[in-house]
Structure formats: structure tokens, C-alpha cells
Amino acid sequence: KILRVNLTQGSCRSEPLNMAWAAQ
């Protein structure tokens, strides 16, 4: 899991980790 925080919008949302990148 990644937490993406957009300070301009004031938003916080979860998104899945890119597991293909994690493997690399």
C-alpha cells in the first residue's frame, strides 16, 4: 500500500504498490 497525499487539493488516498517495480 502507498499513501498518496496531494497538498494542493488537501487529499489523502490509498493506492496499491506497484509490485512489478518492487520486484525490480
PDBML (XML) file of the C-alpha atoms, coordinates in Angstrom:
<?xml version="1.0" encoding="UTF-8" ?>
<PDBx:datablock datablockName="MODEL"
   xmlns:PDBx="http://pdbml.pdb.org/schema/pdbx-v50.xsd"
   xmlns:xsi="http://www.w3.org/2001/XMLSchema-instance"
   xsi:schemaLocation="http://pdbml.pdb.org/schema/pdbx-v50.xsd pdbx-v50.xsd">
   <PDBx:atom_siteCategory>
      <PDBx:atom_site id="1">
         <PDBx:B_iso_or_equiv>0.00</PDBx:B_iso_or_equiv>
         <PDBx:Cartn_x>0.000</PDBx:Cartn_x>
         <PDBx:Cartn_y>0.000</PDBx:Cartn_y>
         <PDBx:Cartn_z>0.000</PDBx:Cartn_z>
         <PDBx:auth_asym_id>A</PDBx:auth_asym_id>
         <PDBx:auth_atom_id>CA</PDBx:auth_atom_id>
         <PDBx:auth_comp_id>LYS</PDBx:auth_comp_id>
         <PDBx:auth_seq_id>1</PDBx:auth_seq_id>
         <PDBx:group_PDB>ATOM</PDBx:group_PDB>
         <PDBx:label_alt_id xsi:nil="true" />
         <PDBx:label_asym_id>A</PDBx:label_asym_id>
         <PDBx:label_atom_id>CA</PDBx:label_atom_id>
         <PDBx:label_comp_id>LYS</PDBx:label_comp_id>
         <PDBx:label_entity_id>1</PDBx:label_entity_id>
         <PDBx:label_seq_id>1</PDBx:label_seq_id>
         <PDBx:occupancy>1.00</PDBx:occupancy>
         <PDBx:pdbx_PDB_model_num>1</PDBx:pdbx_PDB_model_num>
         <PDBx:type_symbol>C</PDBx:type_symbol>
      </PDBx:atom_site>
      <PDBx:atom_site id="2">
         <PDBx:B_iso_or_equiv>0.00</PDBx:B_iso_or_equiv>
         <PDBx:Cartn_x>1.030</PDBx:Cartn_x>
         <PDBx:Cartn_y>3.563</PDBx:Cartn_y>
         <PDBx:Cartn_z>-0.830</PDBx:Cartn_z>
         <PDBx:auth_asym_id>A</PDBx:auth_asym_id>
         <PDBx:auth_atom_id>CA</PDBx:auth_atom_id>
         <PDBx:auth_comp_id>ILE</PDBx:auth_comp_id>
         <PDBx:auth_seq_id>2</PDBx:auth_seq_id>
         <PDBx:group_PDB>ATOM</PDBx:group_PDB>
         <PDBx:label_alt_id xsi:nil="true" />
         <PDBx:label_asym_id>A</PDBx:label_asym_id>
         <PDBx:label_atom_id>CA</PDBx:label_atom_id>
         <PDBx:label_comp_id>ILE</PDBx:label_comp_id>
         <PDBx:label_entity_id>1</PDBx:label_entity_id>
         <PDBx:label_seq_id>2</PDBx:label_seq_id>
         <PDBx:occupancy>1.00</PDBx:occupancy>
         <PDBx:pdbx_PDB_model_num>1</PDBx:pdbx_PDB_model_num>
         <PDBx:type_symbol>C</PDBx:type_symbol>
      </PDBx:atom_site>
      <PDBx:atom_site id="3">
         <PDBx:B_iso_or_equiv>0.00</PDBx:B_iso_or_equiv>
         <PDBx:Cartn_x>-0.438</PDBx:Cartn_x>
         <PDBx:Cartn_y>6.677</PDBx:Cartn_y>
         <PDBx:Cartn_z>0.729</PDBx:Cartn_z>
         <PDBx:auth_asym_id>A</PDBx:auth_asym_id>
         <PDBx:auth_atom_id>CA</PDBx:auth_atom_id>
         <PDBx:auth_comp_id>LEU</PDBx:auth_comp_id>
         <PDBx:auth_seq_id>3</PDBx:auth_seq_id>
         <PDBx:group_PDB>ATOM</PDBx:group_PDB>
         <PDBx:label_alt_id xsi:nil="true" />
         <PDBx:label_asym_id>A</PDBx:label_asym_id>
         <PDBx:label_atom_id>CA</PDBx:label_atom_id>
         <PDBx:label_comp_id>LEU</PDBx:label_comp_id>
         <PDBx:label_entity_id>1</PDBx:label_entity_id>
         <PDBx:label_seq_id>3</PDBx:label_seq_id>
         <PDBx:occupancy>1.00</PDBx:occupancy>
         <PDBx:pdbx_PDB_model_num>1</PDBx:pdbx_PDB_model_num>
         <PDBx:type_symbol>C</PDBx:type_symbol>
      </PDBx:atom_site>
      <PDBx:atom_site id="4">
         <PDBx:B_iso_or_equiv>0.00</PDBx:B_iso_or_equiv>
         <PDBx:Cartn_x>-0.655</PDBx:Cartn_x>
         <PDBx:Cartn_y>9.469</PDBx:Cartn_y>
         <PDBx:Cartn_z>-1.849</PDBx:Cartn_z>
         <PDBx:auth_asym_id>A</PDBx:auth_asym_id>
         <PDBx:auth_atom_id>CA</PDBx:auth_atom_id>
         <PDBx:auth_comp_id>ARG</PDBx:auth_comp_id>
         <PDBx:auth_seq_id>4</PDBx:auth_seq_id>
         <PDBx:group_PDB>ATOM</PDBx:group_PDB>
         <PDBx:label_alt_id xsi:nil="true" />
         <PDBx:label_asym_id>A</PDBx:label_asym_id>
         <PDBx:label_atom_id>CA</PDBx:label_atom_id>
         <PDBx:label_comp_id>ARG</PDBx:label_comp_id>
         <PDBx:label_entity_id>1</PDBx:label_entity_id>
         <PDBx:label_seq_id>4</PDBx:label_seq_id>
         <PDBx:occupancy>1.00</PDBx:occupancy>
         <PDBx:pdbx_PDB_model_num>1</PDBx:pdbx_PDB_model_num>
         <PDBx:type_symbol>C</PDBx:type_symbol>
      </PDBx:atom_site>
      <PDBx:atom_site id="5">
         <PDBx:B_iso_or_equiv>0.00</PDBx:B_iso_or_equiv>
         <PDBx:Cartn_x>-1.032</PDBx:Cartn_x>
         <PDBx:Cartn_y>12.936</PDBx:Cartn_y>
         <PDBx:Cartn_z>-0.332</PDBx:Cartn_z>
         <PDBx:auth_asym_id>A</PDBx:auth_asym_id>
         <PDBx:auth_atom_id>CA</PDBx:auth_atom_id>
         <PDBx:auth_comp_id>VAL</PDBx:auth_comp_id>
         <PDBx:auth_seq_id>5</PDBx:auth_seq_id>
         <PDBx:group_PDB>ATOM</PDBx:group_PDB>
         <PDBx:label_alt_id xsi:nil="true" />
         <PDBx:label_asym_id>A</PDBx:label_asym_id>
         <PDBx:label_atom_id>CA</PDBx:label_atom_id>
         <PDBx:label_comp_id>VAL</PDBx:label_comp_id>
         <PDBx:label_entity_id>1</PDBx:label_entity_id>
         <PDBx:label_seq_id>5</PDBx:label_seq_id>
         <PDBx:occupancy>1.00</PDBx:occupancy>
         <PDBx:pdbx_PDB_model_num>1</PDBx:pdbx_PDB_model_num>
         <PDBx:type_symbol>C</PDBx:type_symbol>
      </PDBx:atom_site>
      <PDBx:atom_site id="6">
         <PDBx:B_iso_or_equiv>0.00</PDBx:B_iso_or_equiv>
         <PDBx:Cartn_x>-1.909</PDBx:Cartn_x>
         <PDBx:Cartn_y>15.892</PDBx:Cartn_y>
         <PDBx:Cartn_z>-2.541</PDBx:Cartn_z>
         <PDBx:auth_asym_id>A</PDBx:auth_asym_id>
         <PDBx:auth_atom_id>CA</PDBx:auth_atom_id>
         <PDBx:auth_comp_id>ASN</PDBx:auth_comp_id>
         <PDBx:auth_seq_id>6</PDBx:auth_seq_id>
         <PDBx:group_PDB>ATOM</PDBx:group_PDB>
         <PDBx:label_alt_id xsi:nil="true" />
         <PDBx:label_asym_id>A</PDBx:label_asym_id>
         <PDBx:label_atom_id>CA</PDBx:label_atom_id>
         <PDBx:label_comp_id>ASN</PDBx:label_comp_id>
         <PDBx:label_entity_id>1</PDBx:label_entity_id>
         <PDBx:label_seq_id>6</PDBx:label_seq_id>
         <PDBx:occupancy>1.00</PDBx:occupancy>
         <PDBx:pdbx_PDB_model_num>1</PDBx:pdbx_PDB_model_num>
         <PDBx:type_symbol>C</PDBx:type_symbol>
      </PDBx:atom_site>
      <PDBx:atom_site id="7">
         <PDBx:B_iso_or_equiv>0.00</PDBx:B_iso_or_equiv>
         <PDBx:Cartn_x>-1.250</PDBx:Cartn_x>
         <PDBx:Cartn_y>19.027</PDBx:Cartn_y>
         <PDBx:Cartn_z>-0.536</PDBx:Cartn_z>
         <PDBx:auth_asym_id>A</PDBx:auth_asym_id>
         <PDBx:auth_atom_id>CA</PDBx:auth_atom_id>
         <PDBx:auth_comp_id>LEU</PDBx:auth_comp_id>
         <PDBx:auth_seq_id>7</PDBx:auth_seq_id>
         <PDBx:group_PDB>ATOM</PDBx:group_PDB>
         <PDBx:label_alt_id xsi:nil="true" />
         <PDBx:label_asym_id>A</PDBx:label_asym_id>
         <PDBx:label_atom_id>CA</PDBx:label_atom_id>
         <PDBx:label_comp_id>LEU</PDBx:label_comp_id>
         <PDBx:label_entity_id>1</PDBx:label_entity_id>
         <PDBx:label_seq_id>7</PDBx:label_seq_id>
         <PDBx:occupancy>1.00</PDBx:occupancy>
         <PDBx:pdbx_PDB_model_num>1</PDBx:pdbx_PDB_model_num>
         <PDBx:type_symbol>C</PDBx:type_symbol>
      </PDBx:atom_site>
      <PDBx:atom_site id="8">
         <PDBx:B_iso_or_equiv>0.00</PDBx:B_iso_or_equiv>
         <PDBx:Cartn_x>-2.743</PDBx:Cartn_x>
         <PDBx:Cartn_y>21.343</PDBx:Cartn_y>
         <PDBx:Cartn_z>-3.142</PDBx:Cartn_z>
         <PDBx:auth_asym_id>A</PDBx:auth_asym_id>
         <PDBx:auth_atom_id>CA</PDBx:auth_atom_id>
         <PDBx:auth_comp_id>THR</PDBx:auth_comp_id>
         <PDBx:auth_seq_id>8</PDBx:auth_seq_id>
         <PDBx:group_PDB>ATOM</PDBx:group_PDB>
         <PDBx:label_alt_id xsi:nil="true" />
         <PDBx:label_asym_id>A</PDBx:label_asym_id>
         <PDBx:label_atom_id>CA</PDBx:label_atom_id>
         <PDBx:label_comp_id>THR</PDBx:label_comp_id>
         <PDBx:label_entity_id>1</PDBx:label_entity_id>
         <PDBx:label_seq_id>8</PDBx:label_seq_id>
         <PDBx:occupancy>1.00</PDBx:occupancy>
         <PDBx:pdbx_PDB_model_num>1</PDBx:pdbx_PDB_model_num>
         <PDBx:type_symbol>C</PDBx:type_symbol>
      </PDBx:atom_site>
      <PDBx:atom_site id="9">
         <PDBx:B_iso_or_equiv>0.00</PDBx:B_iso_or_equiv>
         <PDBx:Cartn_x>-6.082</PDBx:Cartn_x>
         <PDBx:Cartn_y>19.515</PDBx:Cartn_y>
         <PDBx:Cartn_z>-3.015</PDBx:Cartn_z>
         <PDBx:auth_asym_id>A</PDBx:auth_asym_id>
         <PDBx:auth_atom_id>CA</PDBx:auth_atom_id>
         <PDBx:auth_comp_id>GLN</PDBx:auth_comp_id>
         <PDBx:auth_seq_id>9</PDBx:auth_seq_id>
         <PDBx:group_PDB>ATOM</PDBx:group_PDB>
         <PDBx:label_alt_id xsi:nil="true" />
         <PDBx:label_asym_id>A</PDBx:label_asym_id>
         <PDBx:label_atom_id>CA</PDBx:label_atom_id>
         <PDBx:label_comp_id>GLN</PDBx:label_comp_id>
         <PDBx:label_entity_id>1</PDBx:label_entity_id>
         <PDBx:label_seq_id>9</PDBx:label_seq_id>
         <PDBx:occupancy>1.00</PDBx:occupancy>
         <PDBx:pdbx_PDB_model_num>1</PDBx:pdbx_PDB_model_num>
         <PDBx:type_symbol>C</PDBx:type_symbol>
      </PDBx:atom_site>
      <PDBx:atom_site id="10">
         <PDBx:B_iso_or_equiv>0.00</PDBx:B_iso_or_equiv>
         <PDBx:Cartn_x>-5.819</PDBx:Cartn_x>
         <PDBx:Cartn_y>18.582</PDBx:Cartn_y>
         <PDBx:Cartn_z>0.671</PDBx:Cartn_z>
         <PDBx:auth_asym_id>A</PDBx:auth_asym_id>
         <PDBx:auth_atom_id>CA</PDBx:auth_atom_id>
         <PDBx:auth_comp_id>GLY</PDBx:auth_comp_id>
         <PDBx:auth_seq_id>10</PDBx:auth_seq_id>
         <PDBx:group_PDB>ATOM</PDBx:group_PDB>
         <PDBx:label_alt_id xsi:nil="true" />
         <PDBx:label_asym_id>A</PDBx:label_asym_id>
         <PDBx:label_atom_id>CA</PDBx:label_atom_id>
         <PDBx:label_comp_id>GLY</PDBx:label_comp_id>
         <PDBx:label_entity_id>1</PDBx:label_entity_id>
         <PDBx:label_seq_id>10</PDBx:label_seq_id>
         <PDBx:occupancy>1.00</PDBx:occupancy>
         <PDBx:pdbx_PDB_model_num>1</PDBx:pdbx_PDB_model_num>
         <PDBx:type_symbol>C</PDBx:type_symbol>
      </PDBx:atom_site>
      <PDBx:atom_site id="11">
         <PDBx:B_iso_or_equiv>0.00</PDBx:B_iso_or_equiv>
         <PDBx:Cartn_x>-6.457</PDBx:Cartn_x>
         <PDBx:Cartn_y>14.915</PDBx:Cartn_y>
         <PDBx:Cartn_z>-0.152</PDBx:Cartn_z>
         <PDBx:auth_asym_id>A</PDBx:auth_asym_id>
         <PDBx:auth_atom_id>CA</PDBx:auth_atom_id>
         <PDBx:auth_comp_id>SER</PDBx:auth_comp_id>
         <PDBx:auth_seq_id>11</PDBx:auth_seq_id>
         <PDBx:group_PDB>ATOM</PDBx:group_PDB>
         <PDBx:label_alt_id xsi:nil="true" />
         <PDBx:label_asym_id>A</PDBx:label_asym_id>
         <PDBx:label_atom_id>CA</PDBx:label_atom_id>
         <PDBx:label_comp_id>SER</PDBx:label_comp_id>
         <PDBx:label_entity_id>1</PDBx:label_entity_id>
         <PDBx:label_seq_id>11</PDBx:label_seq_id>
         <PDBx:occupancy>1.00</PDBx:occupancy>
         <PDBx:pdbx_PDB_model_num>1</PDBx:pdbx_PDB_model_num>
         <PDBx:type_symbol>C</PDBx:type_symbol>
      </PDBx:atom_site>
      <PDBx:atom_site id="12">
         <PDBx:B_iso_or_equiv>0.00</PDBx:B_iso_or_equiv>
         <PDBx:Cartn_x>-5.113</PDBx:Cartn_x>
         <PDBx:Cartn_y>11.601</PDBx:Cartn_y>
         <PDBx:Cartn_z>1.129</PDBx:Cartn_z>
         <PDBx:auth_asym_id>A</PDBx:auth_asym_id>
         <PDBx:auth_atom_id>CA</PDBx:auth_atom_id>
         <PDBx:auth_comp_id>CYS</PDBx:auth_comp_id>
         <PDBx:auth_seq_id>12</PDBx:auth_seq_id>
         <PDBx:group_PDB>ATOM</PDBx:group_PDB>
         <PDBx:label_alt_id xsi:nil="true" />
         <PDBx:label_asym_id>A</PDBx:label_asym_id>
         <PDBx:label_atom_id>CA</PDBx:label_atom_id>
         <PDBx:label_comp_id>CYS</PDBx:label_comp_id>
         <PDBx:label_entity_id>1</PDBx:label_entity_id>
         <PDBx:label_seq_id>12</PDBx:label_seq_id>
         <PDBx:occupancy>1.00</PDBx:occupancy>
         <PDBx:pdbx_PDB_model_num>1</PDBx:pdbx_PDB_model_num>
         <PDBx:type_symbol>C</PDBx:type_symbol>
      </PDBx:atom_site>
      <PDBx:atom_site id="13">
         <PDBx:B_iso_or_equiv>0.00</PDBx:B_iso_or_equiv>
         <PDBx:Cartn_x>-5.805</PDBx:Cartn_x>
         <PDBx:Cartn_y>8.342</PDBx:Cartn_y>
         <PDBx:Cartn_z>-0.693</PDBx:Cartn_z>
         <PDBx:auth_asym_id>A</PDBx:auth_asym_id>
         <PDBx:auth_atom_id>CA</PDBx:auth_atom_id>
         <PDBx:auth_comp_id>ARG</PDBx:auth_comp_id>
         <PDBx:auth_seq_id>13</PDBx:auth_seq_id>
         <PDBx:group_PDB>ATOM</PDBx:group_PDB>
         <PDBx:label_alt_id xsi:nil="true" />
         <PDBx:label_asym_id>A</PDBx:label_asym_id>
         <PDBx:label_atom_id>CA</PDBx:label_atom_id>
         <PDBx:label_comp_id>ARG</PDBx:label_comp_id>
         <PDBx:label_entity_id>1</PDBx:label_entity_id>
         <PDBx:label_seq_id>13</PDBx:label_seq_id>
         <PDBx:occupancy>1.00</PDBx:occupancy>
         <PDBx:pdbx_PDB_model_num>1</PDBx:pdbx_PDB_model_num>
         <PDBx:type_symbol>C</PDBx:type_symbol>
      </PDBx:atom_site>
      <PDBx:atom_site id="14">
         <PDBx:B_iso_or_equiv>0.00</PDBx:B_iso_or_equiv>
         <PDBx:Cartn_x>-4.564</PDBx:Cartn_x>
         <PDBx:Cartn_y>4.782</PDBx:Cartn_y>
         <PDBx:Cartn_z>-0.712</PDBx:Cartn_z>
         <PDBx:auth_asym_id>A</PDBx:auth_asym_id>
         <PDBx:auth_atom_id>CA</PDBx:auth_atom_id>
         <PDBx:auth_comp_id>SER</PDBx:auth_comp_id>
         <PDBx:auth_seq_id>14</PDBx:auth_seq_id>
         <PDBx:group_PDB>ATOM</PDBx:group_PDB>
         <PDBx:label_alt_id xsi:nil="true" />
         <PDBx:label_asym_id>A</PDBx:label_asym_id>
         <PDBx:label_atom_id>CA</PDBx:label_atom_id>
         <PDBx:label_comp_id>SER</PDBx:label_comp_id>
         <PDBx:label_entity_id>1</PDBx:label_entity_id>
         <PDBx:label_seq_id>14</PDBx:label_seq_id>
         <PDBx:occupancy>1.00</PDBx:occupancy>
         <PDBx:pdbx_PDB_model_num>1</PDBx:pdbx_PDB_model_num>
         <PDBx:type_symbol>C</PDBx:type_symbol>
      </PDBx:atom_site>
      <PDBx:atom_site id="15">
         <PDBx:B_iso_or_equiv>0.00</PDBx:B_iso_or_equiv>
         <PDBx:Cartn_x>-3.320</PDBx:Cartn_x>
         <PDBx:Cartn_y>3.036</PDBx:Cartn_y>
         <PDBx:Cartn_z>-3.817</PDBx:Cartn_z>
         <PDBx:auth_asym_id>A</PDBx:auth_asym_id>
         <PDBx:auth_atom_id>CA</PDBx:auth_atom_id>
         <PDBx:auth_comp_id>GLU</PDBx:auth_comp_id>
         <PDBx:auth_seq_id>15</PDBx:auth_seq_id>
         <PDBx:group_PDB>ATOM</PDBx:group_PDB>
         <PDBx:label_alt_id xsi:nil="true" />
         <PDBx:label_asym_id>A</PDBx:label_asym_id>
         <PDBx:label_atom_id>CA</PDBx:label_atom_id>
         <PDBx:label_comp_id>GLU</PDBx:label_comp_id>
         <PDBx:label_entity_id>1</PDBx:label_entity_id>
         <PDBx:label_seq_id>15</PDBx:label_seq_id>
         <PDBx:occupancy>1.00</PDBx:occupancy>
         <PDBx:pdbx_PDB_model_num>1</PDBx:pdbx_PDB_model_num>
         <PDBx:type_symbol>C</PDBx:type_symbol>
      </PDBx:atom_site>
      <PDBx:atom_site id="16">
         <PDBx:B_iso_or_equiv>0.00</PDBx:B_iso_or_equiv>
         <PDBx:Cartn_x>-1.698</PDBx:Cartn_x>
         <PDBx:Cartn_y>-0.354</PDBx:Cartn_y>
         <PDBx:Cartn_z>-4.456</PDBx:Cartn_z>
         <PDBx:auth_asym_id>A</PDBx:auth_asym_id>
         <PDBx:auth_atom_id>CA</PDBx:auth_atom_id>
         <PDBx:auth_comp_id>PRO</PDBx:auth_comp_id>
         <PDBx:auth_seq_id>16</PDBx:auth_seq_id>
         <PDBx:group_PDB>ATOM</PDBx:group_PDB>
         <PDBx:label_alt_id xsi:nil="true" />
         <PDBx:label_asym_id>A</PDBx:label_asym_id>
         <PDBx:label_atom_id>CA</PDBx:label_atom_id>
         <PDBx:label_comp_id>PRO</PDBx:label_comp_id>
         <PDBx:label_entity_id>1</PDBx:label_entity_id>
         <PDBx:label_seq_id>16</PDBx:label_seq_id>
         <PDBx:occupancy>1.00</PDBx:occupancy>
         <PDBx:pdbx_PDB_model_num>1</PDBx:pdbx_PDB_model_num>
         <PDBx:type_symbol>C</PDBx:type_symbol>
      </PDBx:atom_site>
      <PDBx:atom_site id="17">
         <PDBx:B_iso_or_equiv>0.00</PDBx:B_iso_or_equiv>
         <PDBx:Cartn_x>2.067</PDBx:Cartn_x>
         <PDBx:Cartn_y>-0.665</PDBx:Cartn_y>
         <PDBx:Cartn_z>-4.553</PDBx:Cartn_z>
         <PDBx:auth_asym_id>A</PDBx:auth_asym_id>
         <PDBx:auth_atom_id>CA</PDBx:auth_atom_id>
         <PDBx:auth_comp_id>LEU</PDBx:auth_comp_id>
         <PDBx:auth_seq_id>17</PDBx:auth_seq_id>
         <PDBx:group_PDB>ATOM</PDBx:group_PDB>
         <PDBx:label_alt_id xsi:nil="true" />
         <PDBx:label_asym_id>A</PDBx:label_asym_id>
         <PDBx:label_atom_id>CA</PDBx:label_atom_id>
         <PDBx:label_comp_id>LEU</PDBx:label_comp_id>
         <PDBx:label_entity_id>1</PDBx:label_entity_id>
         <PDBx:label_seq_id>17</PDBx:label_seq_id>
         <PDBx:occupancy>1.00</PDBx:occupancy>
         <PDBx:pdbx_PDB_model_num>1</PDBx:pdbx_PDB_model_num>
         <PDBx:type_symbol>C</PDBx:type_symbol>
      </PDBx:atom_site>
      <PDBx:atom_site id="18">
         <PDBx:B_iso_or_equiv>0.00</PDBx:B_iso_or_equiv>
         <PDBx:Cartn_x>3.436</PDBx:Cartn_x>
         <PDBx:Cartn_y>-1.461</PDBx:Cartn_y>
         <PDBx:Cartn_z>-7.996</PDBx:Cartn_z>
         <PDBx:auth_asym_id>A</PDBx:auth_asym_id>
         <PDBx:auth_atom_id>CA</PDBx:auth_atom_id>
         <PDBx:auth_comp_id>ASN</PDBx:auth_comp_id>
         <PDBx:auth_seq_id>18</PDBx:auth_seq_id>
         <PDBx:group_PDB>ATOM</PDBx:group_PDB>
         <PDBx:label_alt_id xsi:nil="true" />
         <PDBx:label_asym_id>A</PDBx:label_asym_id>
         <PDBx:label_atom_id>CA</PDBx:label_atom_id>
         <PDBx:label_comp_id>ASN</PDBx:label_comp_id>
         <PDBx:label_entity_id>1</PDBx:label_entity_id>
         <PDBx:label_seq_id>18</PDBx:label_seq_id>
         <PDBx:occupancy>1.00</PDBx:occupancy>
         <PDBx:pdbx_PDB_model_num>1</PDBx:pdbx_PDB_model_num>
         <PDBx:type_symbol>C</PDBx:type_symbol>
      </PDBx:atom_site>
      <PDBx:atom_site id="19">
         <PDBx:B_iso_or_equiv>0.00</PDBx:B_iso_or_equiv>
         <PDBx:Cartn_x>4.667</PDBx:Cartn_x>
         <PDBx:Cartn_y>-4.988</PDBx:Cartn_y>
         <PDBx:Cartn_z>-7.288</PDBx:Cartn_z>
         <PDBx:auth_asym_id>A</PDBx:auth_asym_id>
         <PDBx:auth_atom_id>CA</PDBx:auth_atom_id>
         <PDBx:auth_comp_id>MET</PDBx:auth_comp_id>
         <PDBx:auth_seq_id>19</PDBx:auth_seq_id>
         <PDBx:group_PDB>ATOM</PDBx:group_PDB>
         <PDBx:label_alt_id xsi:nil="true" />
         <PDBx:label_asym_id>A</PDBx:label_asym_id>
         <PDBx:label_atom_id>CA</PDBx:label_atom_id>
         <PDBx:label_comp_id>MET</PDBx:label_comp_id>
         <PDBx:label_entity_id>1</PDBx:label_entity_id>
         <PDBx:label_seq_id>19</PDBx:label_seq_id>
         <PDBx:occupancy>1.00</PDBx:occupancy>
         <PDBx:pdbx_PDB_model_num>1</PDBx:pdbx_PDB_model_num>
         <PDBx:type_symbol>C</PDBx:type_symbol>
      </PDBx:atom_site>
      <PDBx:atom_site id="20">
         <PDBx:B_iso_or_equiv>0.00</PDBx:B_iso_or_equiv>
         <PDBx:Cartn_x>6.393</PDBx:Cartn_x>
         <PDBx:Cartn_y>-5.298</PDBx:Cartn_y>
         <PDBx:Cartn_z>-10.662</PDBx:Cartn_z>
         <PDBx:auth_asym_id>A</PDBx:auth_asym_id>
         <PDBx:auth_atom_id>CA</PDBx:auth_atom_id>
         <PDBx:auth_comp_id>ALA</PDBx:auth_comp_id>
         <PDBx:auth_seq_id>20</PDBx:auth_seq_id>
         <PDBx:group_PDB>ATOM</PDBx:group_PDB>
         <PDBx:label_alt_id xsi:nil="true" />
         <PDBx:label_asym_id>A</PDBx:label_asym_id>
         <PDBx:label_atom_id>CA</PDBx:label_atom_id>
         <PDBx:label_comp_id>ALA</PDBx:label_comp_id>
         <PDBx:label_entity_id>1</PDBx:label_entity_id>
         <PDBx:label_seq_id>20</PDBx:label_seq_id>
         <PDBx:occupancy>1.00</PDBx:occupancy>
         <PDBx:pdbx_PDB_model_num>1</PDBx:pdbx_PDB_model_num>
         <PDBx:type_symbol>C</PDBx:type_symbol>
      </PDBx:atom_site>
      <PDBx:atom_site id="21">
         <PDBx:B_iso_or_equiv>0.00</PDBx:B_iso_or_equiv>
         <PDBx:Cartn_x>8.551</PDBx:Cartn_x>
         <PDBx:Cartn_y>-2.348</PDBx:Cartn_y>
         <PDBx:Cartn_z>-9.652</PDBx:Cartn_z>
         <PDBx:auth_asym_id>A</PDBx:auth_asym_id>
         <PDBx:auth_atom_id>CA</PDBx:auth_atom_id>
         <PDBx:auth_comp_id>TRP</PDBx:auth_comp_id>
         <PDBx:auth_seq_id>21</PDBx:auth_seq_id>
         <PDBx:group_PDB>ATOM</PDBx:group_PDB>
         <PDBx:label_alt_id xsi:nil="true" />
         <PDBx:label_asym_id>A</PDBx:label_asym_id>
         <PDBx:label_atom_id>CA</PDBx:label_atom_id>
         <PDBx:label_comp_id>TRP</PDBx:label_comp_id>
         <PDBx:label_entity_id>1</PDBx:label_entity_id>
         <PDBx:label_seq_id>21</PDBx:label_seq_id>
         <PDBx:occupancy>1.00</PDBx:occupancy>
         <PDBx:pdbx_PDB_model_num>1</PDBx:pdbx_PDB_model_num>
         <PDBx:type_symbol>C</PDBx:type_symbol>
      </PDBx:atom_site>
      <PDBx:atom_site id="22">
         <PDBx:B_iso_or_equiv>0.00</PDBx:B_iso_or_equiv>
         <PDBx:Cartn_x>9.079</PDBx:Cartn_x>
         <PDBx:Cartn_y>-3.833</PDBx:Cartn_y>
         <PDBx:Cartn_z>-6.174</PDBx:Cartn_z>
         <PDBx:auth_asym_id>A</PDBx:auth_asym_id>
         <PDBx:auth_atom_id>CA</PDBx:auth_atom_id>
         <PDBx:auth_comp_id>ALA</PDBx:auth_comp_id>
         <PDBx:auth_seq_id>22</PDBx:auth_seq_id>
         <PDBx:group_PDB>ATOM</PDBx:group_PDB>
         <PDBx:label_alt_id xsi:nil="true" />
         <PDBx:label_asym_id>A</PDBx:label_asym_id>
         <PDBx:label_atom_id>CA</PDBx:label_atom_id>
         <PDBx:label_comp_id>ALA</PDBx:label_comp_id>
         <PDBx:label_entity_id>1</PDBx:label_entity_id>
         <PDBx:label_seq_id>22</PDBx:label_seq_id>
         <PDBx:occupancy>1.00</PDBx:occupancy>
         <PDBx:pdbx_PDB_model_num>1</PDBx:pdbx_PDB_model_num>
         <PDBx:type_symbol>C</PDBx:type_symbol>
      </PDBx:atom_site>
      <PDBx:atom_site id="23">
         <PDBx:B_iso_or_equiv>0.00</PDBx:B_iso_or_equiv>
         <PDBx:Cartn_x>10.453</PDBx:Cartn_x>
         <PDBx:Cartn_y>-6.969</PDBx:Cartn_y>
         <PDBx:Cartn_z>-7.827</PDBx:Cartn_z>
         <PDBx:auth_asym_id>A</PDBx:auth_asym_id>
         <PDBx:auth_atom_id>CA</PDBx:auth_atom_id>
         <PDBx:auth_comp_id>ALA</PDBx:auth_comp_id>
         <PDBx:auth_seq_id>23</PDBx:auth_seq_id>
         <PDBx:group_PDB>ATOM</PDBx:group_PDB>
         <PDBx:label_alt_id xsi:nil="true" />
         <PDBx:label_asym_id>A</PDBx:label_asym_id>
         <PDBx:label_atom_id>CA</PDBx:label_atom_id>
         <PDBx:label_comp_id>ALA</PDBx:label_comp_id>
         <PDBx:label_entity_id>1</PDBx:label_entity_id>
         <PDBx:label_seq_id>23</PDBx:label_seq_id>
         <PDBx:occupancy>1.00</PDBx:occupancy>
         <PDBx:pdbx_PDB_model_num>1</PDBx:pdbx_PDB_model_num>
         <PDBx:type_symbol>C</PDBx:type_symbol>
      </PDBx:atom_site>
      <PDBx:atom_site id="24">
         <PDBx:B_iso_or_equiv>0.00</PDBx:B_iso_or_equiv>
         <PDBx:Cartn_x>12.967</PDBx:Cartn_x>
         <PDBx:Cartn_y>-4.795</PDBx:Cartn_y>
         <PDBx:Cartn_z>-9.693</PDBx:Cartn_z>
         <PDBx:auth_asym_id>A</PDBx:auth_asym_id>
         <PDBx:auth_atom_id>CA</PDBx:auth_atom_id>
         <PDBx:auth_comp_id>GLN</PDBx:auth_comp_id>
         <PDBx:auth_seq_id>24</PDBx:auth_seq_id>
         <PDBx:group_PDB>ATOM</PDBx:group_PDB>
         <PDBx:label_alt_id xsi:nil="true" />
         <PDBx:label_asym_id>A</PDBx:label_asym_id>
         <PDBx:label_atom_id>CA</PDBx:label_atom_id>
         <PDBx:label_comp_id>GLN</PDBx:label_comp_id>
         <PDBx:label_entity_id>1</PDBx:label_entity_id>
         <PDBx:label_seq_id>24</PDBx:label_seq_id>
         <PDBx:occupancy>1.00</PDBx:occupancy>
         <PDBx:pdbx_PDB_model_num>1</PDBx:pdbx_PDB_model_num>
         <PDBx:type_symbol>C</PDBx:type_symbol>
      </PDBx:atom_site>
   </PDBx:atom_siteCategory>
</PDBx:datablock>
